[in-house]
Amino acid sequence: MSSAAMFSISAEDEGRNLGTVYSTSPDTLREFGAAYMRDPKTHGEVTLKDPDGRAIATFDLWQNRWAETAEAIE
């Protein structure tokens, strides 16, 4: 098993956890999360988290792009 740092995307809908996907690549997760959110059947939101579990970005469906969190910008 690899000890590489794992980024994650968590999906939620109205506070209900829909699942988490992990990868060593935040770029891969951004692509996956964007495709997931663009599906017309998808509801809720996705949050990209760093290996320590801190939110880095959320996908803004209205702007059709990732929005960095304030903590990630600092």
PDB file of N, CA and C in Angstrom:
ATOM      1  N   MET A   1       0.842  -1.181   0.000  1.00  0.00           N
ATOM      2  CA  MET A   1       0.000   0.000   0.000  1.00  0.00           C
ATOM      3  C   MET A   1       0.886   1.244   0.000  1.00  0.00           C
ATOM      4  N   SER A   2       0.483   2.216  -0.789  1.00  0.00           N
ATOM      5  CA  SER A   2       1.256   3.447  -0.933  1.00  0.00           C
ATOM      6  C   SER A   2       1.009   4.387   0.233  1.00  0.00           C
ATOM      7  N   SER A   3       2.062   5.113   0.611  1.00  0.00           N
ATOM      8  CA  SER A   3       1.904   6.100   1.683  1.00  0.00           C
ATOM      9  C   SER A   3       1.828   7.511   1.109  1.00  0.00           C
ATOM     10  N   ALA A   4       1.530   7.622  -0.187  1.00  0.00           N
ATOM     11  CA  ALA A   4       1.424   8.936  -0.831  1.00  0.00           C
ATOM     12  C   ALA A   4       0.254   9.704  -0.238  1.00  0.00           C
ATOM     13  N   ALA A   5       0.424  11.022  -0.192  1.00  0.00           N
ATOM     14  CA  ALA A   5      -0.646  11.890   0.326  1.00  0.00           C
ATOM     15  C   ALA A   5      -1.857  11.775  -0.588  1.00  0.00           C
ATOM     16  N   MET A   6      -3.033  11.626   0.008  1.00  0.00           N
ATOM     17  CA  MET A   6      -4.265  11.452  -0.755  1.00  0.00           C
ATOM     18  C   MET A   6      -5.173  12.668  -0.605  1.00  0.00           C
ATOM     19  N   PHE A   7      -5.492  13.288  -1.723  1.00  0.00           N
ATOM     20  CA  PHE A   7      -6.505  14.331  -1.759  1.00  0.00           C
ATOM     21  C   PHE A   7      -7.857  13.637  -1.862  1.00  0.00           C
ATOM     22  N   SER A   8      -8.936  14.366  -1.604  1.00  0.00           N
ATOM     23  CA  SER A   8     -10.258  13.735  -1.692  1.00  0.00           C
ATOM     24  C   SER A   8     -11.305  14.721  -2.176  1.00  0.00           C
ATOM     25  N   ILE A   9     -12.379  14.158  -2.693  1.00  0.00           N
ATOM     26  CA  ILE A   9     -13.581  14.921  -3.021  1.00  0.00           C
ATOM     27  C   ILE A   9     -14.720  14.277  -2.256  1.00  0.00           C
ATOM     28  N   SER A  10     -15.440  15.103  -1.519  1.00  0.00           N
ATOM     29  CA  SER A  10     -16.625  14.639  -0.792  1.00  0.00           C
ATOM     30  C   SER A  10     -17.850  15.199  -1.471  1.00  0.00           C
ATOM     31  N   ALA A  11     -18.840  14.341  -1.679  1.00  0.00           N
ATOM     32  CA  ALA A  11     -20.105  14.771  -2.269  1.00  0.00           C
ATOM     33  C   ALA A  11     -21.178  14.757  -1.184  1.00  0.00           C
ATOM     34  N   GLU A  12     -21.969  15.831  -1.136  1.00  0.00           N
ATOM     35  CA  GLU A  12     -23.056  15.940  -0.159  1.00  0.00           C
ATOM     36  C   GLU A  12     -24.298  16.508  -0.827  1.00  0.00           C
ATOM     37  N   ASP A  13     -25.447  16.142  -0.297  1.00  0.00           N
ATOM     38  CA  ASP A  13     -26.711  16.715  -0.749  1.00  0.00           C
ATOM     39  C   ASP A  13     -27.565  16.965   0.478  1.00  0.00           C
ATOM     40  N   GLU A  14     -27.823  18.225   0.744  1.00  0.00           N
ATOM     41  CA  GLU A  14     -28.620  18.651   1.903  1.00  0.00           C
ATOM     42  C   GLU A  14     -28.109  18.018   3.195  1.00  0.00           C
ATOM     43  N   GLY A  15     -26.778  18.046   3.369  1.00  0.00           N
ATOM     44  CA  GLY A  15     -26.165  17.536   4.584  1.00  0.00           C
ATOM     45  C   GLY A  15     -25.964  16.035   4.608  1.00  0.00           C
ATOM     46  N   ARG A  16     -26.430  15.338   3.598  1.00  0.00           N
ATOM     47  CA  ARG A  16     -26.299  13.874   3.538  1.00  0.00           C
ATOM     48  C   ARG A  16     -25.031  13.523   2.754  1.00  0.00           C
ATOM     49  N   ASN A  17     -24.153  12.732   3.350  1.00  0.00           N
ATOM     50  CA  ASN A  17     -22.907  12.311   2.728  1.00  0.00           C
ATOM     51  C   ASN A  17     -23.207  11.327   1.599  1.00  0.00           C
ATOM     52  N   LEU A  18     -22.790  11.663   0.375  1.00  0.00           N
ATOM     53  CA  LEU A  18     -23.011  10.797  -0.780  1.00  0.00           C
ATOM     54  C   LEU A  18     -21.789   9.954  -1.120  1.00  0.00           C
ATOM     55  N   GLY A  19     -20.664  10.236  -0.487  1.00  0.00           N
ATOM     56  CA  GLY A  19     -19.465   9.442  -0.727  1.00  0.00           C
ATOM     57  C   GLY A  19     -18.229  10.296  -0.906  1.00  0.00           C
ATOM     58  N   THR A  20     -17.090   9.634  -0.909  1.00  0.00           N
ATOM     59  CA  THR A  20     -15.797  10.291  -1.046  1.00  0.00           C
ATOM     60  C   THR A  20     -14.948   9.520  -2.040  1.00  0.00           C
ATOM     61  N   VAL A  21     -14.222  10.267  -2.872  1.00  0.00           N
ATOM     62  CA  VAL A  21     -13.295   9.688  -3.847  1.00  0.00           C
ATOM     63  C   VAL A  21     -11.908  10.215  -3.505  1.00  0.00           C
ATOM     64  N   TYR A  22     -10.892   9.338  -3.573  1.00  0.00           N
ATOM     65  CA  TYR A  22      -9.526   9.700  -3.201  1.00  0.00           C
ATOM     66  C   TYR A  22      -8.582   9.579  -4.386  1.00  0.00           C
ATOM     67  N   SER A  23      -7.558  10.429  -4.417  1.00  0.00           N
ATOM     68  CA  SER A  23      -6.514  10.363  -5.436  1.00  0.00           C
ATOM     69  C   SER A  23      -5.284  11.121  -4.941  1.00  0.00           C
ATOM     70  N   THR A  24      -4.130  10.745  -5.467  1.00  0.00           N
ATOM     71  CA  THR A  24      -2.910  11.496  -5.166  1.00  0.00           C
ATOM     72  C   THR A  24      -2.860  12.775  -5.997  1.00  0.00           C
ATOM     73  N   SER A  25      -3.737  12.900  -6.993  1.00  0.00           N
ATOM     74  CA  SER A  25      -3.729  14.053  -7.890  1.00  0.00           C
ATOM     75  C   SER A  25      -4.964  14.934  -7.685  1.00  0.00           C
ATOM     76  N   PRO A  26      -4.775  16.164  -7.178  1.00  0.00           N
ATOM     77  CA  PRO A  26      -5.923  17.057  -7.043  1.00  0.00           C
ATOM     78  C   PRO A  26      -6.493  17.446  -8.403  1.00  0.00           C
ATOM     79  N   ASP A  27      -5.663  17.461  -9.452  1.00  0.00           N
ATOM     80  CA  ASP A  27      -6.149  17.806 -10.789  1.00  0.00           C
ATOM     81  C   ASP A  27      -7.123  16.742 -11.310  1.00  0.00           C
ATOM     82  N   THR A  28      -6.794  15.479 -11.077  1.00  0.00           N
ATOM     83  CA  THR A  28      -7.698  14.396 -11.478  1.00  0.00           C
ATOM     84  C   THR A  28      -9.023  14.516 -10.747  1.00  0.00           C
ATOM     85  N   LEU A  29      -8.974  14.817  -9.459  1.00  0.00           N
ATOM     86  CA  LEU A  29     -10.210  14.971  -8.686  1.00  0.00           C
ATOM     87  C   LEU A  29     -11.021  16.173  -9.156  1.00  0.00           C
ATOM     88  N   ARG A  30     -10.353  17.246  -9.537  1.00  0.00           N
ATOM     89  CA  ARG A  30     -11.066  18.413 -10.067  1.00  0.00           C
ATOM     90  C   ARG A  30     -11.804  18.053 -11.357  1.00  0.00           C
ATOM     91  N   GLU A  31     -11.162  17.300 -12.230  1.00  0.00           N
ATOM     92  CA  GLU A  31     -11.807  16.882 -13.477  1.00  0.00           C
ATOM     93  C   GLU A  31     -12.990  15.965 -13.191  1.00  0.00           C
ATOM     94  N   PHE A  32     -12.784  15.007 -12.311  1.00  0.00           N
ATOM     95  CA  PHE A  32     -13.849  14.086 -11.936  1.00  0.00           C
ATOM     96  C   PHE A  32     -15.028  14.831 -11.304  1.00  0.00           C
ATOM     97  N   GLY A  33     -14.737  15.707 -10.357  1.00  0.00           N
ATOM     98  CA  GLY A  33     -15.787  16.454  -9.662  1.00  0.00           C
ATOM     99  C   GLY A  33     -16.564  17.372 -10.587  1.00  0.00           C
ATOM    100  N   ALA A  34     -15.870  18.016 -11.525  1.00  0.00           N
ATOM    101  CA  ALA A  34     -16.540  18.901 -12.475  1.00  0.00           C
ATOM    102  C   ALA A  34     -17.474  18.098 -13.378  1.00  0.00           C
ATOM    103  N   ALA A  35     -17.008  16.962 -13.875  1.00  0.00           N
ATOM    104  CA  ALA A  35     -17.851  16.115 -14.725  1.00  0.00           C
ATOM    105  C   ALA A  35     -19.068  15.620 -13.953  1.00  0.00           C
ATOM    106  N   TYR A  36     -18.857  15.230 -12.705  1.00  0.00           N
ATOM    107  CA  TYR A  36     -19.958  14.763 -11.853  1.00  0.00           C
ATOM    108  C   TYR A  36     -21.000  15.865 -11.669  1.00  0.00           C
ATOM    109  N   MET A  37     -20.542  17.074 -11.372  1.00  0.00           N
ATOM    110  CA  MET A  37     -21.474  18.176 -11.109  1.00  0.00           C
ATOM    111  C   MET A  37     -22.193  18.652 -12.367  1.00  0.00           C
ATOM    112  N   ARG A  38     -21.612  18.449 -13.521  1.00  0.00           N
ATOM    113  CA  ARG A  38     -22.244  18.880 -14.777  1.00  0.00           C
ATOM    114  C   ARG A  38     -23.330  17.923 -15.252  1.00  0.00           C
ATOM    115  N   ASP A  39     -23.416  16.752 -14.641  1.00  0.00           N
ATOM    116  CA  ASP A  39     -24.476  15.806 -14.987  1.00  0.00           C
ATOM    117  C   ASP A  39     -25.809  16.395 -14.529  1.00  0.00           C
ATOM    118  N   PRO A  40     -26.792  16.520 -15.416  1.00  0.00           N
ATOM    119  CA  PRO A  40     -28.068  17.144 -15.039  1.00  0.00           C
ATOM    120  C   PRO A  40     -28.820  16.409 -13.925  1.00  0.00           C
ATOM    121  N   LYS A  41     -28.492  15.146 -13.690  1.00  0.00           N
ATOM    122  CA  LYS A  41     -29.165  14.382 -12.632  1.00  0.00           C
ATOM    123  C   LYS A  41     -28.524  14.581 -11.259  1.00  0.00           C
ATOM    124  N   THR A  42     -27.378  15.256 -11.213  1.00  0.00           N
ATOM    125  CA  THR A  42     -26.644  15.439  -9.964  1.00  0.00           C
ATOM    126  C   THR A  42     -27.252  16.562  -9.130  1.00  0.00           C
ATOM    127  N   HIS A  43     -27.343  16.316  -7.836  1.00  0.00           N
ATOM    128  CA  HIS A  43     -27.799  17.331  -6.874  1.00  0.00           C
ATOM    129  C   HIS A  43     -26.739  17.440  -5.793  1.00  0.00           C
ATOM    130  N   GLY A  44     -26.704  18.570  -5.111  1.00  0.00           N
ATOM    131  CA  GLY A  44     -25.772  18.738  -4.008  1.00  0.00           C
ATOM    132  C   GLY A  44     -24.523  19.478  -4.412  1.00  0.00           C
ATOM    133  N   GLU A  45     -23.448  19.150  -3.711  1.00  0.00           N
ATOM    134  CA  GLU A  45     -22.182  19.847  -3.955  1.00  0.00           C
ATOM    135  C   GLU A  45     -21.016  18.915  -3.705  1.00  0.00           C
ATOM    136  N   VAL A  46     -19.857  19.289  -4.257  1.00  0.00           N
ATOM    137  CA  VAL A  46     -18.624  18.545  -4.018  1.00  0.00           C
ATOM    138  C   VAL A  46     -17.574  19.497  -3.465  1.00  0.00           C
ATOM    139  N   THR A  47     -16.755  18.972  -2.578  1.00  0.00           N
ATOM    140  CA  THR A  47     -15.688  19.747  -1.955  1.00  0.00           C
ATOM    141  C   THR A  47     -14.378  18.996  -2.122  1.00  0.00           C
ATOM    142  N   LEU A  48     -13.378  19.694  -2.649  1.00  0.00           N
ATOM    143  CA  LEU A  48     -12.039  19.146  -2.784  1.00  0.00           C
ATOM    144  C   LEU A  48     -11.289  19.424  -1.487  1.00  0.00           C
ATOM    145  N   LYS A  49     -10.658  18.380  -0.932  1.00  0.00           N
ATOM    146  CA  LYS A  49      -9.930  18.520   0.340  1.00  0.00           C
ATOM    147  C   LYS A  49      -8.476  18.095   0.179  1.00  0.00           C
ATOM    148  N   ASP A  50      -7.609  18.761   0.946  1.00  0.00           N
ATOM    149  CA  ASP A  50      -6.190  18.407   0.929  1.00  0.00           C
ATOM    150  C   ASP A  50      -5.977  17.137   1.757  1.00  0.00           C
ATOM    151  N   PRO A  51      -4.756  16.584   1.757  1.00  0.00           N
ATOM    152  CA  PRO A  51      -4.511  15.339   2.504  1.00  0.00           C
ATOM    153  C   PRO A  51      -4.803  15.431   4.004  1.00  0.00           C
ATOM    154  N   ASP A  52      -4.835  16.650   4.559  1.00  0.00           N
ATOM    155  CA  ASP A  52      -5.162  16.823   5.974  1.00  0.00           C
ATOM    156  C   ASP A  52      -6.659  16.986   6.210  1.00  0.00           C
ATOM    157  N   GLY A  53      -7.463  16.934   5.142  1.00  0.00           N
ATOM    158  CA  GLY A  53      -8.913  17.039   5.275  1.00  0.00           C
ATOM    159  C   GLY A  53      -9.452  18.460   5.235  1.00  0.00           C
ATOM    160  N   ARG A  54      -8.591  19.437   4.955  1.00  0.00           N
ATOM    161  CA  ARG A  54      -9.041  20.838   4.871  1.00  0.00           C
ATOM    162  C   ARG A  54      -9.588  21.121   3.477  1.00  0.00           C
ATOM    163  N   ALA A  55     -10.701  21.850   3.420  1.00  0.00           N
ATOM    164  CA  ALA A  55     -11.307  22.194   2.141  1.00  0.00           C
ATOM    165  C   ALA A  55     -10.382  23.103   1.341  1.00  0.00           C
ATOM    166  N   ILE A  56     -10.204  22.776   0.067  1.00  0.00           N
ATOM    167  CA  ILE A  56      -9.392  23.571  -0.843  1.00  0.00           C
ATOM    168  C   ILE A  56     -10.301  24.356  -1.786  1.00  0.00           C
ATOM    169  N   ALA A  57     -11.357  23.687  -2.281  1.00  0.00           N
ATOM    170  CA  ALA A  57     -12.243  24.304  -3.269  1.00  0.00           C
ATOM    171  C   ALA A  57     -13.587  23.586  -3.295  1.00  0.00           C
ATOM    172  N   THR A  58     -14.577  24.292  -3.793  1.00  0.00           N
ATOM    173  CA  THR A  58     -15.888  23.698  -4.057  1.00  0.00           C
ATOM    174  C   THR A  58     -16.239  24.007  -5.501  1.00  0.00           C
ATOM    175  N   PHE A  59     -17.056  23.139  -6.101  1.00  0.00           N
ATOM    176  CA  PHE A  59     -17.439  23.379  -7.488  1.00  0.00           C
ATOM    177  C   PHE A  59     -18.676  24.255  -7.511  1.00  0.00           C
ATOM    178  N   ASP A  60     -18.552  25.413  -8.171  1.00  0.00           N
ATOM    179  CA  ASP A  60     -19.661  26.359  -8.292  1.00  0.00           C
ATOM    180  C   ASP A  60     -20.403  26.036  -9.589  1.00  0.00           C
ATOM    181  N   LEU A  61     -21.546  25.388  -9.463  1.00  0.00           N
ATOM    182  CA  LEU A  61     -22.308  24.955 -10.621  1.00  0.00           C
ATOM    183  C   LEU A  61     -22.788  26.123 -11.469  1.00  0.00           C
ATOM    184  N   TRP A  62     -23.154  27.231 -10.839  1.00  0.00           N
ATOM    185  CA  TRP A  62     -23.656  28.390 -11.567  1.00  0.00           C
ATOM    186  C   TRP A  62     -22.574  29.036 -12.431  1.00  0.00           C
ATOM    187  N   GLN A  63     -21.336  29.038 -11.930  1.00  0.00           N
ATOM    188  CA  GLN A  63     -20.227  29.608 -12.699  1.00  0.00           C
ATOM    189  C   GLN A  63     -19.486  28.546 -13.513  1.00  0.00           C
ATOM    190  N   ASN A  64     -19.861  27.275 -13.293  1.00  0.00           N
ATOM    191  CA  ASN A  64     -19.273  26.149 -14.011  1.00  0.00           C
ATOM    192  C   ASN A  64     -17.750  26.096 -13.848  1.00  0.00           C
ATOM    193  N   ARG A  65     -17.299  26.287 -12.584  1.00  0.00           N
ATOM    194  CA  ARG A  65     -15.856  26.244 -12.309  1.00  0.00           C
ATOM    195  C   ARG A  65     -15.624  25.975 -10.824  1.00  0.00           C
ATOM    196  N   TRP A  66     -14.394  25.647 -10.500  1.00  0.00           N
ATOM    197  CA  TRP A  66     -14.000  25.463  -9.115  1.00  0.00           C
ATOM    198  C   TRP A  66     -13.780  26.825  -8.462  1.00  0.00           C
ATOM    199  N   ALA A  67     -14.256  26.978  -7.253  1.00  0.00           N
ATOM    200  CA  ALA A  67     -14.034  28.194  -6.460  1.00  0.00           C
ATOM    201  C   ALA A  67     -13.126  27.817  -5.295  1.00  0.00           C
ATOM    202  N   GLU A  68     -11.977  28.468  -5.225  1.00  0.00           N
ATOM    203  CA  GLU A  68     -11.033  28.194  -4.139  1.00  0.00           C
ATOM    204  C   GLU A  68     -11.591  28.705  -2.819  1.00  0.00           C
ATOM    205  N   THR A  69     -11.319  27.979  -1.747  1.00  0.00           N
ATOM    206  CA  THR A  69     -11.747  28.445  -0.425  1.00  0.00           C
ATOM    207  C   THR A  69     -10.821  29.540   0.057  1.00  0.00           C
ATOM    208  N   ALA A  70     -11.264  30.323   1.011  1.00  0.00           N
ATOM    209  CA  ALA A  70     -10.454  31.405   1.561  1.00  0.00           C
ATOM    210  C   ALA A  70      -9.147  30.878   2.138  1.00  0.00           C
ATOM    211  N   GLU A  71      -9.192  29.705   2.777  1.00  0.00           N
ATOM    212  CA  GLU A  71      -7.996  29.134   3.376  1.00  0.00           C
ATOM    213  C   GLU A  71      -6.976  28.761   2.306  1.00  0.00           C
ATOM    214  N   ALA A  72      -7.434  28.307   1.150  1.00  0.00           N
ATOM    215  CA  ALA A  72      -6.523  27.908   0.087  1.00  0.00           C
ATOM    216  C   ALA A  72      -5.870  29.118  -0.570  1.00  0.00           C
ATOM    217  N   ILE A  73      -6.544  30.253  -0.553  1.00  0.00           N
ATOM    218  CA  ILE A  73      -6.022  31.465  -1.179  1.00  0.00           C
ATOM    219  C   ILE A  73      -4.943  32.113  -0.331  1.00  0.00           C
ATOM    220  N   GLU A  74      -5.078  32.014   0.988  1.00  0.00           N
ATOM    221  CA  GLU A  74      -4.123  32.668   1.909  1.00  0.00           C
ATOM    222  C   GLU A  74      -2.724  32.136   1.762  1.00  0.00           C
TER     223      GLU A  74
END
